C-alpha atoms as a PDB file:
ATOM      1  CA  MET A   1     102.220 134.275 134.990  1.00  0.00           C
ATOM      2  CA  LEU A   2     104.123 133.573 131.746  1.00  0.00           C
ATOM      3  CA  THR A   3     102.423 131.199 129.241  1.00  0.00           C
ATOM      4  CA  PRO A   4     105.381 130.099 126.792  1.00  0.00           C
ATOM      5  CA  PHE A   5     104.218 128.236 123.664  1.00  0.00           C
ATOM      6  CA  GLN A   6     103.943 124.724 123.909  1.00  0.00           C
ATOM      7  CA  ASP A   7     107.409 123.908 122.702  1.00  0.00           C
ATOM      8  CA  ALA A   8     109.226 126.356 124.754  1.00  0.00           C
ATOM      9  CA  HIS A   9     111.797 125.282 127.308  1.00  0.00           C
ATOM     10  CA  PRO A  10     112.033 127.856 130.225  1.00  0.00           C
ATOM     11  CA  VAL A  11     115.135 127.474 132.324  1.00  0.00           C
ATOM     12  CA  CYS A  12     117.478 129.355 134.756  1.00  0.00           C
ATOM     13  CA  VAL A  13     120.890 130.155 133.383  1.00  0.00           C
ATOM     14  CA  ALA A  14     123.356 132.529 134.922  1.00  0.00           C
ATOM     15  CA  GLY A  15     120.373 133.846 137.425  1.00  0.00           C
ATOM     16  CA  LEU A  16     118.405 134.512 134.056  1.00  0.00           C
ATOM     17  CA  GLU A  17     114.947 133.047 133.092  1.00  0.00           C
ATOM     18  CA  VAL A  18     115.576 131.974 129.427  1.00  0.00           C
ATOM     19  CA  PHE A  19     112.985 130.652 127.085  1.00  0.00           C
ATOM     20  CA  ILE A  20     114.572 128.031 124.516  1.00  0.00           C
ATOM     21  CA  PHE A  21     112.500 127.070 121.533  1.00  0.00           C
ATOM     22  CA  GLY A  22     113.615 124.209 119.188  1.00  0.00           C
ATOM     23  CA  ALA A  23     116.537 122.842 120.990  1.00  0.00           C
ATOM     24  CA  ALA A  24     115.119 119.449 121.425  1.00  0.00           C
ATOM     25  CA  ALA A  25     113.849 119.206 117.555  1.00  0.00           C
ATOM     26  CA  HIS A  26     116.954 120.810 116.083  1.00  0.00           C
ATOM     27  CA  PRO A  27     120.248 119.831 118.071  1.00  0.00           C
ATOM     28  CA  GLY A  28     123.452 121.727 116.653  1.00  0.00           C
ATOM     29  CA  ALA A  29     121.216 124.240 114.762  1.00  0.00           C
ATOM     30  CA  PRO A  30     122.192 127.894 114.627  1.00  0.00           C
ATOM     31  CA  VAL A  31     121.222 129.903 117.949  1.00  0.00           C
ATOM     32  CA  VAL A  32     119.211 133.086 117.552  1.00  0.00           C
ATOM     33  CA  PHE A  33     118.562 135.465 120.477  1.00  0.00           C
ATOM     34  CA  VAL A  34     115.230 137.527 120.262  1.00  0.00           C
ATOM     35  CA  THR A  35     114.721 140.648 122.291  1.00  0.00           C
ATOM     36  CA  HIS A  36     111.423 142.597 123.012  1.00  0.00           C
ATOM     37  CA  GLY A  37     110.778 146.350 122.876  1.00  0.00           C
ATOM     38  CA  ARG A  38     110.736 149.017 125.714  1.00  0.00           C
ATOM     39  CA  GLY A  39     107.861 148.337 127.952  1.00  0.00           C
ATOM     40  CA  GLY A  40     107.414 144.961 126.804  1.00  0.00           C
ATOM     41  CA  GLU A  41     108.300 141.456 128.262  1.00  0.00           C
ATOM     42  CA  VAL A  42     109.843 138.238 127.097  1.00  0.00           C
ATOM     43  CA  ALA A  43     106.393 136.591 126.294  1.00  0.00           C
ATOM     44  CA  ASN A  44     106.224 139.586 123.440  1.00  0.00           C
ATOM     45  CA  THR A  45     109.068 137.524 121.798  1.00  0.00           C
ATOM     46  CA  PHE A  46     107.294 133.965 121.905  1.00  0.00           C
ATOM     47  CA  GLY A  47     105.609 134.291 118.443  1.00  0.00           C
ATOM     48  CA  GLN A  48     108.848 135.213 116.652  1.00  0.00           C
ATOM     49  CA  CYS A  49     110.715 132.518 118.489  1.00  0.00           C
ATOM     50  CA  ASN A  50     108.301 130.005 117.464  1.00  0.00           C
ATOM     51  CA  ASP A  51     108.433 130.950 113.926  1.00  0.00           C
ATOM     52  CA  LEU A  52     112.275 130.846 114.063  1.00  0.00           C
ATOM     53  CA  ALA A  53     112.130 127.167 115.811  1.00  0.00           C
ATOM     54  CA  ASP A  54     109.603 126.333 112.861  1.00  0.00           C
ATOM     55  CA  MET A  55     112.503 127.384 110.311  1.00  0.00           C
ATOM     56  CA  GLY A  56     114.893 124.759 111.983  1.00  0.00           C
ATOM     57  CA  LEU A  57     116.566 127.388 114.276  1.00  0.00           C
ATOM     58  CA  ILE A  58     117.220 127.255 118.036  1.00  0.00           C
ATOM     59  CA  ALA A  59     115.630 130.443 119.297  1.00  0.00           C
ATOM     60  CA  ILE A  60     116.088 132.167 122.841  1.00  0.00           C
ATOM     61  CA  GLY A  61     114.012 134.809 124.440  1.00  0.00           C
ATOM     62  CA  ILE A  62     115.148 136.733 127.533  1.00  0.00           C
ATOM     63  CA  GLU A  63     113.605 139.484 129.451  1.00  0.00           C
ATOM     64  CA  GLN A  64     115.469 142.868 129.060  1.00  0.00           C
ATOM     65  CA  ARG A  65     117.030 144.680 131.996  1.00  0.00           C
ATOM     66  CA  ASN A  66     114.288 146.449 134.133  1.00  0.00           C
ATOM     67  CA  HIS A  67     111.440 144.811 132.212  1.00  0.00           C
ATOM     68  CA  GLY A  68     108.790 142.211 132.699  1.00  0.00           C
ATOM     69  CA  ARG A  69     109.790 140.144 135.860  1.00  0.00           C
ATOM     70  CA  ARG A  70     113.111 141.942 135.982  1.00  0.00           C
ATOM     71  CA  LEU A  71     111.382 145.406 136.632  1.00  0.00           C
ATOM     72  CA  VAL A  72     112.756 147.602 139.197  1.00  0.00           C
ATOM     73  CA  ASP A  73     111.776 151.055 138.317  1.00  0.00           C
ATOM     74  CA  THR A  74     108.862 151.809 135.953  1.00  0.00           C
ATOM     75  CA  THR A  75     109.861 155.362 135.376  1.00  0.00           C
ATOM     76  CA  ALA A  76     113.079 154.408 134.007  1.00  0.00           C
ATOM     77  CA  ASN A  77     111.208 153.040 130.876  1.00  0.00           C
ATOM     78  CA  GLY A  78     109.294 156.178 130.393  1.00  0.00           C
ATOM     79  CA  ASP A  79     109.424 158.894 127.656  1.00  0.00           C
ATOM     80  CA  TRP A  80     111.618 161.994 127.601  1.00  0.00           C
ATOM     81  CA  SER A  81     112.973 163.215 130.823  1.00  0.00           C
ATOM     82  CA  VAL A  82     116.433 164.452 132.021  1.00  0.00           C
ATOM     83  CA  THR A  83     117.453 160.653 132.643  1.00  0.00           C
ATOM     84  CA  HIS A  84     115.795 159.249 129.753  1.00  0.00           C
ATOM     85  CA  ALA A  85     118.954 158.701 127.761  1.00  0.00           C
ATOM     86  CA  ALA A  86     120.962 157.218 130.442  1.00  0.00           C
ATOM     87  CA  ASP A  87     118.073 154.943 131.555  1.00  0.00           C
ATOM     88  CA  MET A  88     117.559 153.578 128.137  1.00  0.00           C
ATOM     89  CA  PHE A  89     121.114 153.101 127.178  1.00  0.00           C
ATOM     90  CA  SER A  90     121.955 151.076 130.390  1.00  0.00           C
ATOM     91  CA  ASN A  91     119.106 149.034 129.958  1.00  0.00           C
ATOM     92  CA  PHE A  92     119.868 147.677 126.549  1.00  0.00           C
ATOM     93  CA  VAL A  93     123.754 147.501 126.994  1.00  0.00           C
ATOM     94  CA  GLY A  94     123.047 145.646 130.104  1.00  0.00           C
ATOM     95  CA  THR A  95     120.978 143.306 128.113  1.00  0.00           C
ATOM     96  CA  ALA A  96     123.790 142.783 125.721  1.00  0.00           C
ATOM     97  CA  TYR A  97     126.116 141.748 128.620  1.00  0.00           C
ATOM     98  CA  ASP A  98     123.700 139.238 129.701  1.00  0.00           C
ATOM     99  CA  ILE A  99     123.603 137.727 126.270  1.00  0.00           C
ATOM    100  CA  SER A 100     127.145 137.696 126.100  1.00  0.00           C
ATOM    101  CA  LEU A 101     127.387 135.917 129.071  1.00  0.00           C
ATOM    102  CA  LEU A 102     124.623 133.417 128.093  1.00  0.00           C
ATOM    103  CA  ILE A 103     126.593 132.496 125.111  1.00  0.00           C
ATOM    104  CA  ASP A 104     129.103 131.037 127.321  1.00  0.00           C
ATOM    105  CA  MET A 105     126.770 129.723 130.047  1.00  0.00           C
ATOM    106  CA  ILE A 106     123.957 128.246 128.026  1.00  0.00           C
ATOM    107  CA  ARG A 107     126.811 125.864 126.518  1.00  0.00           C
ATOM    108  CA  ALA A 108     128.080 125.315 129.790  1.00  0.00           C
ATOM    109  CA  ARG A 109     124.927 124.657 131.446  1.00  0.00           C
ATOM    110  CA  LEU A 110     122.780 123.076 128.824  1.00  0.00           C
ATOM    111  CA  GLY A 111     125.302 121.736 126.415  1.00  0.00           C
ATOM    112  CA  ILE A 112     123.709 123.600 123.454  1.00  0.00           C
ATOM    113  CA  ALA A 113     126.220 124.396 120.863  1.00  0.00           C
ATOM    114  CA  MET A 114     126.839 128.069 120.558  1.00  0.00           C
ATOM    115  CA  SER A 115     129.124 128.026 117.340  1.00  0.00           C
ATOM    116  CA  ARG A 116     126.727 129.881 115.251  1.00  0.00           C
ATOM    117  CA  VAL A 117     125.091 132.743 116.894  1.00  0.00           C
ATOM    118  CA  GLY A 118     122.611 135.427 115.661  1.00  0.00           C
ATOM    119  CA  MET A 119     120.558 138.097 117.304  1.00  0.00           C
ATOM    120  CA  THR A 120     117.265 140.057 116.621  1.00  0.00           C
ATOM    121  CA  GLY A 121     115.091 142.376 118.330  1.00  0.00           C
ATOM    122  CA  ILE A 122     112.581 145.267 117.758  1.00  0.00           C
ATOM    123  CA  SER A 123     112.866 148.673 119.087  1.00  0.00           C
ATOM    124  CA  LEU A 124     114.717 148.552 122.260  1.00  0.00           C
ATOM    125  CA  GLY A 125     115.419 145.014 121.229  1.00  0.00           C
ATOM    126  CA  GLY A 126     116.958 146.490 118.078  1.00  0.00           C
ATOM    127  CA  HIS A 127     119.201 148.982 120.144  1.00  0.00           C
ATOM    128  CA  ALA A 128     120.315 145.650 122.172  1.00  0.00           C
ATOM    129  CA  THR A 129     121.324 143.998 119.231  1.00  0.00           C
ATOM    130  CA  PHE A 130     123.481 146.655 117.873  1.00  0.00           C
ATOM    131  CA  ALA A 131     125.054 146.768 121.399  1.00  0.00           C
ATOM    132  CA  ALA A 132     125.399 143.147 121.776  1.00  0.00           C
ATOM    133  CA  MET A 133     127.287 142.792 118.377  1.00  0.00           C
ATOM    134  CA  ALA A 134     129.455 145.611 119.191  1.00  0.00           C
ATOM    135  CA  LEU A 135     130.341 143.902 122.566  1.00  0.00           C
ATOM    136  CA  ASP A 136     130.888 140.287 121.423  1.00  0.00           C
ATOM    137  CA  PRO A 137     132.153 139.176 117.961  1.00  0.00           C
ATOM    138  CA  ARG A 138     130.537 135.742 118.433  1.00  0.00           C
ATOM    139  CA  ILE A 139     127.259 137.066 117.463  1.00  0.00           C
ATOM    140  CA  GLN A 140     127.826 136.626 113.805  1.00  0.00           C
ATOM    141  CA  VAL A 141     124.543 137.963 112.258  1.00  0.00           C
ATOM    142  CA  GLY A 142     121.942 140.645 113.329  1.00  0.00           C
ATOM    143  CA  ALA A 143     118.876 141.985 112.314  1.00  0.00           C
ATOM    144  CA  PRO A 144     117.999 145.082 114.337  1.00  0.00           C
ATOM    145  CA  LEU A 145     114.572 146.123 113.696  1.00  0.00           C
ATOM    146  CA  ILE A 146     113.577 149.866 114.346  1.00  0.00           C
ATOM    147  CA  GLY A 147     116.837 150.097 116.204  1.00  0.00           C
ATOM    148  CA  SER A 148     119.692 152.760 116.225  1.00  0.00           C
ATOM    149  CA  GLY A 149     123.385 152.340 115.505  1.00  0.00           C
ATOM    150  CA  ASP A 150     123.932 156.021 116.462  1.00  0.00           C
ATOM    151  CA  TYR A 151     122.423 156.597 120.003  1.00  0.00           C
ATOM    152  CA  ARG A 152     123.566 160.248 120.360  1.00  0.00           C
ATOM    153  CA  ARG A 153     121.919 160.991 117.205  1.00  0.00           C
ATOM    154  CA  LEU A 154     118.740 159.082 118.336  1.00  0.00           C
ATOM    155  CA  MET A 155     118.711 161.180 121.270  1.00  0.00           C
ATOM    156  CA  GLU A 156     119.455 164.525 119.596  1.00  0.00           C
ATOM    157  CA  LEU A 157     116.526 163.931 117.517  1.00  0.00           C
ATOM    158  CA  ARG A 158     114.337 162.915 120.462  1.00  0.00           C
ATOM    159  CA  ALA A 159     115.540 165.949 122.365  1.00  0.00           C
ATOM    160  CA  ALA A 160     114.428 168.400 119.571  1.00  0.00           C
ATOM    161  CA  ASN A 161     110.990 166.576 119.323  1.00  0.00           C
ATOM    162  CA  ASN A 162     110.483 167.236 122.977  1.00  0.00           C
ATOM    163  CA  GLY A 163     111.512 171.151 122.902  1.00  0.00           C
ATOM    164  CA  CYS A 164     114.998 170.571 124.287  1.00  0.00           C
ATOM    165  CA  THR A 165     117.431 173.066 122.960  1.00  0.00           C
ATOM    166  CA  LYS A 166     120.887 172.273 121.718  1.00  0.00           C
ATOM    167  CA  GLU A 167     122.251 174.530 124.669  1.00  0.00           C
ATOM    168  CA  ASP A 168     120.459 172.157 127.091  1.00  0.00           C
ATOM    169  CA  PHE A 169     121.177 169.152 125.651  1.00  0.00           C
ATOM    170  CA  PRO A 170     124.205 168.201 127.681  1.00  0.00           C
ATOM    171  CA  ARG A 171     122.130 168.095 130.841  1.00  0.00           C
ATOM    172  CA  TYR A 172     120.103 165.339 129.068  1.00  0.00           C
ATOM    173  CA  PHE A 173     123.313 163.656 127.664  1.00  0.00           C
ATOM    174  CA  PRO A 174     125.718 164.231 130.149  1.00  0.00           C
ATOM    175  CA  GLU A 175     129.634 163.730 129.806  1.00  0.00           C
ATOM    176  CA  GLY A 176     129.438 160.323 131.424  1.00  0.00           C
ATOM    177  CA  LEU A 177     126.949 159.147 128.913  1.00  0.00           C
ATOM    178  CA  LEU A 178     129.242 160.423 126.393  1.00  0.00           C
ATOM    179  CA  ALA A 179     132.104 158.164 127.638  1.00  0.00           C
ATOM    180  CA  ALA A 180     129.493 155.284 127.888  1.00  0.00           C
ATOM    181  CA  THR A 181     128.540 155.690 124.144  1.00  0.00           C
ATOM    182  CA  ALA A 182     132.177 155.899 122.910  1.00  0.00           C
ATOM    183  CA  LYS A 183     132.555 152.560 124.665  1.00  0.00           C
ATOM    184  CA  PHE A 184     129.641 150.624 123.665  1.00  0.00           C
ATOM    185  CA  ASP A 185     127.600 152.434 120.811  1.00  0.00           C
ATOM    186  CA  ALA A 186     127.690 150.583 117.313  1.00  0.00           C
ATOM    187  CA  ILE A 187     128.575 153.930 115.390  1.00  0.00           C
ATOM    188  CA  ASN A 188     131.959 154.232 117.704  1.00  0.00           C
ATOM    189  CA  HIS A 189     132.804 150.552 116.407  1.00  0.00           C
ATOM    190  CA  PRO A 190     131.952 150.012 112.654  1.00  0.00           C
ATOM    191  CA  ALA A 191     134.822 147.852 112.051  1.00  0.00           C
ATOM    192  CA  GLN A 192     133.320 145.130 114.085  1.00  0.00           C
ATOM    193  CA  PHE A 193     130.536 144.944 111.963  1.00  0.00           C
ATOM    194  CA  ALA A 194     132.324 144.741 108.618  1.00  0.00           C
ATOM    195  CA  ASN A 195     132.224 141.220 107.902  1.00  0.00           C
ATOM    196  CA  ARG A 196     129.022 140.171 109.607  1.00  0.00           C
ATOM    197  CA  PRO A 197     125.569 140.132 107.755  1.00  0.00           C
ATOM    198  CA  LEU A 198     123.526 142.954 109.163  1.00  0.00           C
ATOM    199  CA  LEU A 199     119.743 143.647 108.270  1.00  0.00           C
ATOM    200  CA  MET A 200     118.660 147.081 109.549  1.00  0.00           C
ATOM    201  CA  ALA A 201     114.787 147.860 109.058  1.00  0.00           C
ATOM    202  CA  ASN A 202     113.510 151.289 110.030  1.00  0.00           C
ATOM    203  CA  GLY A 203     110.514 153.326 108.797  1.00  0.00           C
ATOM    204  CA  GLU A 204     110.893 156.308 106.778  1.00  0.00           C
ATOM    205  CA  ASN A 205     107.961 158.245 108.543  1.00  0.00           C
ATOM    206  CA  ASP A 206     109.048 156.822 112.021  1.00  0.00           C
ATOM    207  CA  ASN A 207     109.431 159.991 114.384  1.00  0.00           C
ATOM    208  CA  LEU A 208     110.598 157.865 117.236  1.00  0.00           C
ATOM    209  CA  VAL A 209     113.580 155.851 116.059  1.00  0.00           C
ATOM    210  CA  GLN A 210     114.442 157.793 112.800  1.00  0.00           C
ATOM    211  CA  ILE A 211     115.921 156.208 109.668  1.00  0.00           C
ATOM    212  CA  GLU A 212     118.573 159.023 109.854  1.00  0.00           C
ATOM    213  CA  CYS A 213     119.873 157.244 113.226  1.00  0.00           C
ATOM    214  CA  ASN A 214     121.377 154.524 111.014  1.00  0.00           C
ATOM    215  CA  ARG A 215     122.574 156.379 107.815  1.00  0.00           C
ATOM    216  CA  GLY A 216     125.678 157.707 109.524  1.00  0.00           C
ATOM    217  CA  PHE A 217     126.467 154.006 110.905  1.00  0.00           C
ATOM    218  CA  MET A 218     125.982 152.657 107.459  1.00  0.00           C
ATOM    219  CA  GLU A 219     128.129 155.109 105.991  1.00  0.00           C
ATOM    220  CA  ALA A 220     130.672 154.304 108.560  1.00  0.00           C
END
């Protein structure tokens, strides 16, 4: 049972359970979508959402695909495997699509103005922030924390750390996933980020989401 903060307003929009903070107190304020990390749930974002609402913003938390009460397959959220790269990519790109739809439907369903929209998230939520901004230009500002703007590079480094050779890598990152990253990954759409404020925060000693995964994107 989820126990949102006292000022959270949970509601079903487009078949998704969303938790809205600050809408009553700050009508017309900018909206920030907040997304949790891999293996987490929407409740993990409530503290951050509450803080954003205290700053005068409207914060919205949602469950990522295949997480929390949307969980379908626990193994698809696991560590390195032959399907890890495809499973994780599809989870956060799916979340990006959810948020793009919610930008339309929260306004249609609840009347909340969506003229100023931002997004943030940690780890898997950081990946989702990159993907959502690449997908939808209405997200005007982003703060992907411990996220990667170059998914293939992230998986190359993760493969090497798990003993996967370069020769075997295509089995873990097949042609279909290459096509999907060409369509959705931020590194392949740098011009879409050129005029939008973007805060990328990565730890220099992080061996899971390495800072190198954003250096190429930053240069692009």
